């Protein structure tokens, strides 16, 4: 057992004594209905390398973080080697309850500090493990719980309604504006329900609804460009999805990870995650989800230069898109709207240098009805394609419409997309392109 130099340094920075830290942890624990009786000798043991049990490490983070004015993780205090609070623990007996407590600590931190960039992105085995655990045994045999207030079907229905509300808010106002609201709802409403009393059937429905809200929170964090935080939320949603037993929902969450991997340039990881969904969901795979997965795979293969595989995925995406029946899809896959597959394939074709074919798809996508966010992205793709084909005026026209559509949306992802369009226009000769680039620059100069 090695001395915990990280905790020692933070305690020194805070100016807090060992007895003072112990007293604050005891008080914070009592607020969470925990009876703690720590004193300075316990803190001394922690500094020597001992790790306190239960939720105490999270309480240490909270006490020292408040004193130092920043968010602290278990890794920051030298206690991150065992089940960090924002990582899903292995499934198994007692695993789900421990996971809920760790998830709730992340929700609380995100709610209290909505400008928090979040933890760093996980890579390697740590990034893959949650997907592997989702698609492999053991399953949660019984998620019932006897503690706290009873949870009813009406409580679960409220969570489903909240998911729809926050998704609508995100699509129209952006993830930056929506993120803190979802985190607050998770902390105030969802966490107490997960700690309540319910039978196995209700518990699975509850996990399904809670997972859907965690996924929305991850989408908002992704949109706010807090990528490590978004990844943790997606992992949480995936763990809750496994507890619910709903393979379709779990597949949807992994699709979110595929989309994030593409944005981060991790194309092989995106392909592996997409294959995990296709392999695991089997007959449960819905046409909408299959459409998006194959379209995203097409883009990944195009980026890697595998033309044959990209075209094969494009054909599958188009074939599945014709089978979509919205009334038969889960609520989450409603994002697969008319035009989505076309814009994804346009981007893949552009990567392959097939500009004319990309332009046809991009124009078709721009004509299809879409929510505000979708329309901004489609117009950005259309502007890029037209510029690549030498149509500066057409590119400028699409860019102007993109800026008009994006007004009022607080999204770092859309700002980044618009910035790239503006940079390309600025390099193109012609007055219309220059004017459109200037319009984008003016729009981006307004902070949020």
Protein backbone atom coordinates (compact mmCIF):
# COMPACT_ATOMS: atom_id res chain seq x y z
CA UNK A 1 0.00 0.00 0.00
CA UNK A 2 1.60 3.24 -1.20
CA UNK A 3 1.00 6.71 0.29
CA UNK A 4 -1.73 8.72 -1.44
CA UNK A 5 0.32 11.71 -2.51
CA UNK A 6 -2.52 13.14 -4.64
CA UNK A 7 -4.92 13.34 -1.72
CA UNK A 8 -2.18 14.75 0.48
CA UNK A 9 -1.45 17.52 -2.05
CA UNK A 10 -5.13 18.44 -2.45
CA UNK A 11 -5.65 18.52 1.30
CA UNK A 12 -2.66 20.83 1.60
CA UNK A 13 -3.98 23.09 -1.21
CA UNK A 14 -7.36 23.34 0.48
CA UNK A 15 -5.86 24.51 3.77
CA UNK A 16 -8.09 22.01 5.55
CA UNK A 17 -6.93 19.95 8.48
CA UNK A 18 -7.39 16.19 8.66
CA UNK A 19 -9.96 16.61 11.39
CA UNK A 20 -11.72 19.28 9.34
CA UNK A 21 -11.98 16.97 6.32
CA UNK A 22 -13.36 14.17 8.46
CA UNK A 23 -15.97 16.45 10.06
CA UNK A 24 -17.15 17.78 6.69
CA UNK A 25 -17.46 14.25 5.29
CA UNK A 26 -19.51 13.20 8.31
CA UNK A 27 -21.87 16.16 7.83
CA UNK A 28 -22.23 15.56 4.10
CA UNK A 29 -22.87 11.89 4.74
CA UNK A 30 -25.65 12.67 7.20
CA UNK A 31 -27.39 14.71 4.51
CA UNK A 32 -27.40 11.55 2.38
CA UNK A 33 -28.73 9.42 5.28
CA UNK A 34 -25.30 7.91 5.96
CA UNK A 35 -24.05 7.53 9.52
CA UNK A 36 -20.33 8.27 9.39
CA UNK A 37 -17.99 8.74 12.33
CA UNK A 38 -14.64 9.54 10.78
CA UNK A 39 -11.91 11.49 12.59
CA UNK A 40 -8.39 12.63 11.82
CA UNK A 41 -6.97 9.12 12.27
CA UNK A 42 -9.20 7.82 9.44
CA UNK A 43 -7.92 10.59 7.16
CA UNK A 44 -4.36 9.63 8.12
CA UNK A 45 -5.07 6.07 6.98
CA UNK A 46 -6.38 7.37 3.66
CA UNK A 47 -3.21 9.39 3.19
CA UNK A 48 -1.23 6.19 3.76
CA UNK A 49 -3.09 4.56 0.88
CA UNK A 50 -6.20 3.02 2.43
CA UNK A 51 -9.38 3.45 0.40
CA UNK A 52 -12.59 4.10 2.39
CA UNK A 53 -15.64 2.03 1.56
CA UNK A 54 -18.90 2.85 -0.15
CA UNK A 55 -19.63 6.41 -1.23
CA UNK A 56 -16.98 8.02 0.95
CA UNK A 57 -14.46 8.58 -1.89
CA UNK A 58 -17.15 10.52 -3.77
CA UNK A 59 -17.82 12.58 -0.64
CA UNK A 60 -14.10 13.36 -0.39
CA UNK A 61 -14.24 14.61 -4.00
CA UNK A 62 -17.23 16.78 -3.20
CA UNK A 63 -15.79 18.30 -0.01
CA UNK A 64 -12.36 19.07 -1.46
CA UNK A 65 -13.81 20.12 -4.82
CA UNK A 66 -16.10 22.66 -3.18
CA UNK A 67 -13.22 24.06 -1.15
CA UNK A 68 -10.92 24.30 -4.17
CA UNK A 69 -13.60 25.57 -6.53
CA UNK A 70 -13.34 22.80 -9.13
CA UNK A 71 -14.68 19.36 -9.93
CA UNK A 72 -12.59 16.46 -8.63
CA UNK A 73 -12.78 12.84 -9.77
CA UNK A 74 -11.66 9.72 -7.93
CA UNK A 75 -8.53 9.70 -10.05
CA UNK A 76 -7.76 13.25 -8.89
CA UNK A 77 -7.80 12.16 -5.23
CA UNK A 78 -5.76 9.02 -5.90
CA UNK A 79 -8.66 6.61 -5.55
CA UNK A 80 -9.49 6.00 -9.19
CA UNK A 81 -8.01 2.54 -9.51
CA UNK A 82 -11.15 0.85 -8.26
CA UNK A 83 -14.42 1.50 -10.10
CA UNK A 84 -14.27 5.22 -10.80
CA UNK A 85 -17.68 6.85 -10.23
CA UNK A 86 -18.24 7.66 -13.85
CA UNK A 87 -17.41 4.19 -15.17
CA UNK A 88 -19.94 1.35 -15.16
CA UNK A 89 -18.89 -1.44 -12.79
CA UNK A 90 -19.01 -5.02 -14.02
CA UNK A 91 -22.54 -6.41 -14.16
CA UNK A 92 -23.42 -8.96 -11.53
CA UNK A 93 -24.89 -9.26 -8.10
CA UNK A 94 -25.06 -5.86 -6.44
CA UNK A 95 -23.48 -4.25 -9.49
CA UNK A 96 -26.52 -2.30 -10.59
CA UNK A 97 -27.07 -0.62 -7.22
CA UNK A 98 -23.43 0.44 -7.03
CA UNK A 99 -23.62 1.67 -10.60
CA UNK A 100 -26.65 3.85 -9.81
CA UNK A 101 -24.76 5.59 -7.01
CA UNK A 102 -21.79 6.25 -9.25
CA UNK A 103 -23.99 7.52 -12.04
CA UNK A 104 -25.87 9.81 -9.65
CA UNK A 105 -22.59 11.38 -8.49
CA UNK A 106 -21.78 12.31 -12.09
CA UNK A 107 -25.28 13.72 -12.66
CA UNK A 108 -24.95 15.86 -9.55
CA UNK A 109 -21.56 17.19 -10.61
CA UNK A 110 -22.86 18.03 -14.08
CA UNK A 111 -25.88 19.79 -12.64
CA UNK A 112 -23.85 21.92 -10.25
CA UNK A 113 -21.26 22.92 -12.84
CA UNK A 114 -22.92 23.16 -16.26
CA UNK A 115 -19.75 24.59 -17.78
CA UNK A 116 -17.72 21.59 -16.57
CA UNK A 117 -15.82 20.08 -19.51
CA UNK A 118 -16.14 16.70 -17.83
CA UNK A 119 -13.69 13.82 -17.54
CA UNK A 120 -11.22 12.92 -20.24
CA UNK A 121 -12.19 10.57 -23.03
CA UNK A 122 -11.63 6.90 -22.34
CA UNK A 123 -9.64 4.96 -24.89
CA UNK A 124 -8.51 1.41 -25.46
CA UNK A 125 -10.06 -1.31 -23.33
CA UNK A 126 -11.86 1.18 -21.07
CA UNK A 127 -13.78 2.58 -24.03
CA UNK A 128 -14.65 -0.85 -25.42
CA UNK A 129 -15.57 -2.60 -22.15
CA UNK A 130 -19.10 -1.13 -21.75
CA UNK A 131 -20.08 -2.30 -25.26
CA UNK A 132 -18.57 -5.73 -24.61
CA UNK A 133 -20.45 -6.00 -21.31
CA UNK A 134 -23.70 -5.00 -23.00
CA UNK A 135 -23.50 -7.74 -25.63
CA UNK A 136 -22.23 -10.51 -23.36
CA UNK A 137 -23.46 -12.40 -20.26
CA UNK A 138 -24.16 -12.28 -17.43
CA UNK A 139 -27.56 -10.68 -17.68
CA UNK A 140 -29.36 -8.94 -14.82
CA UNK A 141 -31.59 -11.74 -13.59
CA UNK A 142 -33.60 -9.57 -11.21
CA UNK A 143 -33.50 -5.78 -10.94
CA UNK A 144 -36.11 -5.49 -8.19
CA UNK A 145 -35.28 -3.36 -5.16
CA UNK A 146 -36.75 -2.88 -1.70
CA UNK A 147 -35.75 0.50 -0.34
CA UNK A 148 -37.22 3.97 -0.47
CA UNK A 149 -40.57 5.04 -1.85
CA UNK A 150 -42.51 2.69 -4.15
CA UNK A 151 -42.14 3.34 -7.88
CA UNK A 152 -45.25 3.13 -10.05
CA UNK A 153 -45.98 2.92 -13.76
CA UNK A 154 -47.07 6.55 -13.57
CA UNK A 155 -43.57 7.52 -12.35
CA UNK A 156 -42.02 5.73 -15.32
CA UNK A 157 -44.47 7.45 -17.70
CA UNK A 158 -43.28 10.84 -16.42
CA UNK A 159 -39.70 9.91 -17.34
CA UNK A 160 -40.75 8.94 -20.86
CA UNK A 161 -42.58 12.26 -21.24
CA UNK A 162 -39.51 14.11 -19.95
CA UNK A 163 -37.31 12.39 -22.52
CA UNK A 164 -39.55 13.64 -25.33
CA UNK A 165 -39.57 17.14 -23.88
CA UNK A 166 -35.80 17.37 -23.57
CA UNK A 167 -35.23 15.87 -27.01
CA UNK A 168 -37.49 18.53 -28.51
CA UNK A 169 -35.68 21.24 -26.54
CA UNK A 170 -32.29 19.94 -27.68
CA UNK A 171 -33.30 19.85 -31.32
CA UNK A 172 -34.57 23.40 -31.27
CA UNK A 173 -32.35 25.14 -28.69
CA UNK A 174 -29.17 23.04 -28.74
CA UNK A 175 -27.26 20.93 -26.26
CA UNK A 176 -25.53 23.84 -24.54
CA UNK A 177 -28.88 25.27 -23.44
CA UNK A 178 -30.44 21.89 -22.60
CA UNK A 179 -27.64 20.03 -20.83
CA UNK A 180 -28.01 21.48 -17.33
CA UNK A 181 -31.78 20.94 -17.37
CA UNK A 182 -31.46 17.25 -18.15
CA UNK A 183 -28.71 16.79 -15.54
CA UNK A 184 -30.93 18.53 -12.99
CA UNK A 185 -33.85 16.25 -13.81
CA UNK A 186 -31.64 13.16 -13.54
CA UNK A 187 -30.44 14.28 -10.12
CA UNK A 188 -33.77 15.44 -8.68
CA UNK A 189 -36.19 12.96 -10.22
CA UNK A 190 -34.48 9.93 -11.75
CA UNK A 191 -31.91 9.09 -9.06
CA UNK A 192 -34.52 8.94 -6.23
CA UNK A 193 -36.68 6.61 -8.34
CA UNK A 194 -33.77 4.29 -9.05
CA UNK A 195 -33.15 4.16 -5.30
CA UNK A 196 -36.81 3.35 -4.63
CA UNK A 197 -38.85 0.15 -4.24
CA UNK A 198 -40.00 -1.76 -7.33
CA UNK A 199 -40.51 -5.27 -8.63
CA UNK A 200 -38.50 -6.73 -11.49
CA UNK A 201 -40.94 -5.74 -14.25
CA UNK A 202 -41.25 -2.14 -13.06
CA UNK A 203 -37.52 -1.97 -12.46
CA UNK A 204 -36.77 -2.92 -16.05
CA UNK A 205 -39.17 -0.27 -17.34
CA UNK A 206 -37.59 2.24 -14.99
CA UNK A 207 -34.07 1.40 -16.19
CA UNK A 208 -35.26 1.76 -19.78
CA UNK A 209 -36.71 5.22 -19.13
CA UNK A 210 -33.72 6.34 -17.03
CA UNK A 211 -31.34 5.12 -19.73
CA UNK A 212 -33.20 7.13 -22.35
CA UNK A 213 -32.72 10.29 -20.28
CA UNK A 214 -29.03 9.52 -19.70
CA UNK A 215 -28.68 9.14 -23.47
CA UNK A 216 -30.28 12.55 -24.05
CA UNK A 217 -27.89 14.05 -21.51
CA UNK A 218 -25.01 12.44 -23.40
CA UNK A 219 -26.26 13.90 -26.66
CA UNK A 220 -26.38 17.34 -25.06
CA UNK A 221 -22.83 16.94 -23.70
CA UNK A 222 -21.67 15.81 -27.15
CA UNK A 223 -23.32 18.84 -28.68
CA UNK A 224 -21.61 21.06 -26.08
CA UNK A 225 -18.31 19.41 -27.13
CA UNK A 226 -17.76 17.83 -23.70
CA UNK A 227 -16.80 14.56 -25.35
CA UNK A 228 -15.51 12.66 -22.30
CA UNK A 229 -18.67 13.51 -20.40
CA UNK A 230 -20.85 12.47 -23.35
CA UNK A 231 -19.04 9.14 -23.50
CA UNK A 232 -19.73 8.50 -19.79
CA UNK A 233 -23.41 9.29 -20.25
CA UNK A 234 -23.63 6.93 -23.22
CA UNK A 235 -21.95 4.20 -21.16
CA UNK A 236 -24.44 4.81 -18.36
CA UNK A 237 -27.35 4.60 -20.79
CA UNK A 238 -25.93 1.35 -22.15
CA UNK A 239 -25.67 -0.18 -18.66
CA UNK A 240 -29.25 0.84 -17.88
CA UNK A 241 -30.29 -0.51 -21.25
CA UNK A 242 -28.81 -3.89 -20.39
CA UNK A 243 -30.66 -3.89 -17.07
CA UNK A 244 -33.90 -3.14 -18.92
CA UNK A 245 -33.44 -6.13 -21.22
CA UNK A 246 -34.36 -3.98 -24.23
CA UNK A 247 -31.87 -4.87 -26.98
CA UNK A 248 -33.29 -2.31 -29.39
CA UNK A 249 -32.63 0.49 -26.93
CA UNK A 250 -29.11 -0.76 -26.24
CA UNK A 251 -28.44 -0.84 -29.97
CA UNK A 252 -29.59 2.76 -30.25
CA UNK A 253 -27.15 3.81 -27.51
CA UNK A 254 -24.25 2.05 -29.21
CA UNK A 255 -25.22 3.89 -32.40
CA UNK A 256 -24.66 7.13 -30.47
CA UNK A 257 -21.17 5.89 -29.62
CA UNK A 258 -20.63 5.08 -33.32
CA UNK A 259 -21.58 8.63 -34.25
CA UNK A 260 -19.24 10.06 -31.63
CA UNK A 261 -16.39 7.83 -32.80
CA UNK A 262 -16.85 9.12 -36.36
CA UNK A 263 -16.69 12.71 -35.12
CA UNK A 264 -13.51 11.92 -33.19
CA UNK A 265 -11.93 10.28 -36.23
CA UNK A 266 -11.89 6.82 -34.64
CA UNK A 267 -13.22 5.06 -37.72
CA UNK A 268 -12.22 1.50 -36.86
CA UNK A 269 -13.76 1.84 -33.41
CA UNK A 270 -16.94 3.11 -35.07
CA UNK A 271 -17.02 0.06 -37.35
CA UNK A 272 -16.46 -2.31 -34.43
CA UNK A 273 -19.27 -0.76 -32.38
CA UNK A 274 -21.66 -0.86 -35.34
CA UNK A 275 -20.85 -4.53 -35.90
CA UNK A 276 -21.56 -5.21 -32.21
CA UNK A 277 -25.09 -3.84 -32.65
CA UNK A 278 -25.72 -5.77 -35.86
CA UNK A 279 -24.40 -8.96 -34.23
CA UNK A 280 -26.19 -8.62 -30.90
CA UNK A 281 -29.63 -7.27 -31.78
CA UNK A 282 -30.32 -9.74 -34.58
CA UNK A 283 -34.07 -9.92 -35.20
CA UNK A 284 -34.59 -7.05 -32.75
CA UNK A 285 -32.78 -4.62 -35.08
CA UNK A 286 -35.25 -2.06 -36.42
CA UNK A 287 -35.07 -0.77 -40.01
CA UNK A 288 -34.41 2.81 -38.85
CA UNK A 289 -31.47 1.82 -36.68
CA UNK A 290 -30.09 -0.49 -39.37
CA UNK A 291 -30.35 2.36 -41.89
CA UNK A 292 -28.29 4.69 -39.75
CA UNK A 293 -25.73 2.06 -38.73
CA UNK A 294 -25.02 1.04 -42.30
CA UNK A 295 -24.90 4.68 -43.43
CA UNK A 296 -22.36 5.47 -40.69
CA UNK A 297 -20.35 2.39 -41.60
CA UNK A 298 -20.31 3.61 -45.21
CA UNK A 299 -18.75 6.86 -44.07
CA UNK A 300 -16.17 5.06 -41.93
CA UNK A 301 -15.15 2.78 -44.80
CA UNK A 302 -15.00 5.78 -47.14
CA UNK A 303 -12.68 7.56 -44.73
CA UNK A 304 -10.48 4.46 -44.62
CA UNK A 305 -10.45 4.30 -48.42
CA UNK A 306 -12.33 0.97 -48.71
CA UNK A 307 -14.56 1.84 -51.65
CA UNK A 308 -16.13 -1.62 -52.08
CA UNK A 309 -17.15 -1.89 -48.42
CA UNK A 310 -18.46 1.67 -48.43
CA UNK A 311 -20.68 0.99 -51.45
CA UNK A 312 -21.94 -2.26 -49.93
CA UNK A 313 -22.99 -0.42 -46.77
CA UNK A 314 -24.64 2.33 -48.83
CA UNK A 315 -26.77 -0.25 -50.62
CA UNK A 316 -27.80 -1.84 -47.31
CA UNK A 317 -28.64 1.56 -45.81
CA UNK A 318 -30.88 2.47 -48.72
CA UNK A 319 -32.57 -0.94 -48.68
CA UNK A 320 -33.37 -0.70 -44.96
CA UNK A 321 -34.57 2.91 -45.31
CA UNK A 322 -37.39 1.68 -47.55
CA UNK A 323 -38.63 -0.62 -44.78
CA UNK A 324 -38.96 2.03 -42.07
CA UNK A 325 -42.41 2.24 -40.50
CA UNK A 326 -42.29 5.05 -37.91
CA UNK A 327 -45.21 3.62 -35.93
CA UNK A 328 -43.24 0.39 -35.40
CA UNK A 329 -40.04 2.09 -34.24
CA UNK A 330 -39.03 2.92 -30.65
CA UNK A 331 -39.30 6.61 -29.78
CA UNK A 332 -35.53 7.16 -29.83
CA UNK A 333 -35.04 6.22 -33.49
CA UNK A 334 -37.35 9.02 -34.59
CA UNK A 335 -34.20 10.94 -35.48
CA UNK A 336 -33.92 8.74 -38.59
CA UNK A 337 -36.10 11.06 -40.63
CA UNK A 338 -36.49 11.33 -44.40
CA UNK A 339 -33.26 12.72 -45.80
CA UNK A 340 -30.95 11.46 -43.04
CA UNK A 341 -29.62 8.51 -45.02
CA UNK A 342 -29.15 10.77 -48.05
CA UNK A 343 -27.04 13.30 -46.17
CA UNK A 344 -24.94 10.54 -44.61
CA UNK A 345 -24.34 8.94 -48.01
CA UNK A 346 -23.54 12.33 -49.54
CA UNK A 347 -20.80 12.78 -46.95
CA UNK A 348 -19.43 9.28 -47.65
CA UNK A 349 -19.45 9.86 -51.41
CA UNK A 350 -17.70 13.19 -50.95
CA UNK A 351 -14.93 11.39 -49.07
CA UNK A 352 -14.63 8.98 -52.00
CA UNK A 353 -14.38 11.88 -54.44
CA UNK A 354 -17.75 11.10 -56.05
CA UNK A 355 -18.84 14.74 -56.14
CA UNK A 356 -21.68 14.49 -58.66
CA UNK A 357 -23.36 11.58 -56.87
CA UNK A 358 -22.82 13.35 -53.53
CA UNK A 359 -24.53 16.47 -54.89
CA UNK A 360 -27.63 14.50 -55.91
CA UNK A 361 -27.94 12.99 -52.42
CA UNK A 362 -27.22 16.31 -50.68
CA UNK A 363 -29.89 18.12 -52.71
CA UNK A 364 -32.41 15.38 -51.99
CA UNK A 365 -31.60 15.59 -48.27
CA UNK A 366 -31.98 19.38 -48.23
CA UNK A 367 -35.43 19.14 -49.84
CA UNK A 368 -36.74 16.64 -47.25
CA UNK A 369 -38.49 17.97 -44.11
CA UNK A 370 -36.35 17.99 -40.99
CA UNK A 371 -36.13 19.48 -37.52
CA UNK A 372 -33.99 22.58 -37.06
CA UNK A 373 -30.72 20.82 -36.23
CA UNK A 374 -31.09 18.36 -39.07
CA UNK A 375 -31.77 21.15 -41.54
CA UNK A 376 -28.64 23.06 -40.47
CA UNK A 377 -26.46 19.99 -40.98
CA UNK A 378 -28.03 19.19 -44.34
CA UNK A 379 -27.51 22.72 -45.62
CA UNK A 380 -23.89 22.61 -44.43
CA UNK A 381 -23.33 19.39 -46.39
CA UNK A 382 -25.06 20.87 -49.44
CA UNK A 383 -22.83 23.94 -49.28
CA UNK A 384 -19.72 21.75 -49.09
CA UNK A 385 -20.80 19.60 -52.02
CA UNK A 386 -21.69 22.56 -54.22
CA UNK A 387 -18.37 24.19 -53.41
CA UNK A 388 -16.51 21.00 -54.33
CA UNK A 389 -18.34 20.92 -57.65
CA UNK A 390 -17.32 24.53 -58.40
CA UNK A 391 -20.73 26.10 -57.76
CA UNK A 392 -19.69 29.00 -55.54
CA UNK A 393 -23.02 30.82 -55.77
CA UNK A 394 -24.99 27.68 -54.94
CA UNK A 395 -22.68 26.99 -51.99
CA UNK A 396 -23.12 30.54 -50.73
CA UNK A 397 -26.91 30.29 -51.04
CA UNK A 398 -26.97 27.07 -48.97
CA UNK A 399 -24.66 28.66 -46.39
CA UNK A 400 -26.88 31.73 -46.01
CA UNK A 401 -29.90 29.49 -45.44
CA UNK A 402 -27.84 27.49 -42.94
CA UNK A 403 -27.05 30.62 -40.90
CA UNK A 404 -30.68 31.74 -40.92
CA UNK A 405 -31.85 28.31 -39.75
CA UNK A 406 -29.25 28.10 -36.98
CA UNK A 407 -30.32 31.32 -35.26
CA UNK A 408 -31.16 30.74 -31.61
CA UNK A 409 -29.48 27.31 -31.34
CA UNK A 410 -26.72 26.99 -28.72
CA UNK A 411 -24.56 24.18 -30.07
CA UNK A 412 -20.79 23.88 -30.17
CA UNK A 413 -21.07 21.11 -32.74
CA UNK A 414 -23.11 23.27 -35.12
CA UNK A 415 -20.77 26.20 -34.55
CA UNK A 416 -17.86 24.00 -35.52
CA UNK A 417 -19.69 22.81 -38.63
CA UNK A 418 -20.56 26.36 -39.63
CA UNK A 419 -16.99 27.52 -39.00
CA UNK A 420 -15.63 24.88 -41.37
CA UNK A 421 -18.14 25.86 -44.06
CA UNK A 422 -17.13 29.51 -43.64
CA UNK A 423 -13.43 28.67 -43.95
CA UNK A 424 -14.02 26.79 -47.19
CA UNK A 425 -16.11 29.62 -48.60
CA UNK A 426 -13.46 32.17 -47.66
CA UNK A 427 -10.91 30.28 -49.76
CA UNK A 428 -13.18 30.22 -52.81
CA UNK A 429 -13.03 33.08 -55.35
CA UNK A 430 -16.17 35.08 -55.95
CA UNK A 431 -18.14 37.80 -54.21
CA UNK A 432 -21.07 35.60 -53.15
CA UNK A 433 -18.79 33.10 -51.38
CA UNK A 434 -16.93 35.92 -49.62
CA UNK A 435 -20.20 37.51 -48.47
CA UNK A 436 -21.49 34.19 -47.14
CA UNK A 437 -18.19 33.58 -45.31
CA UNK A 438 -18.46 37.01 -43.70
CA UNK A 439 -22.07 36.32 -42.66
CA UNK A 440 -20.97 33.09 -40.96
CA UNK A 441 -18.13 34.90 -39.20
CA UNK A 442 -20.56 37.52 -37.86
CA UNK A 443 -22.97 34.84 -36.65
CA UNK A 444 -20.19 33.01 -34.84
CA UNK A 445 -18.98 36.20 -33.16
CA UNK A 446 -22.05 36.15 -30.90
CA UNK A 447 -21.10 34.15 -27.77
CA UNK A 448 -23.36 31.93 -25.71
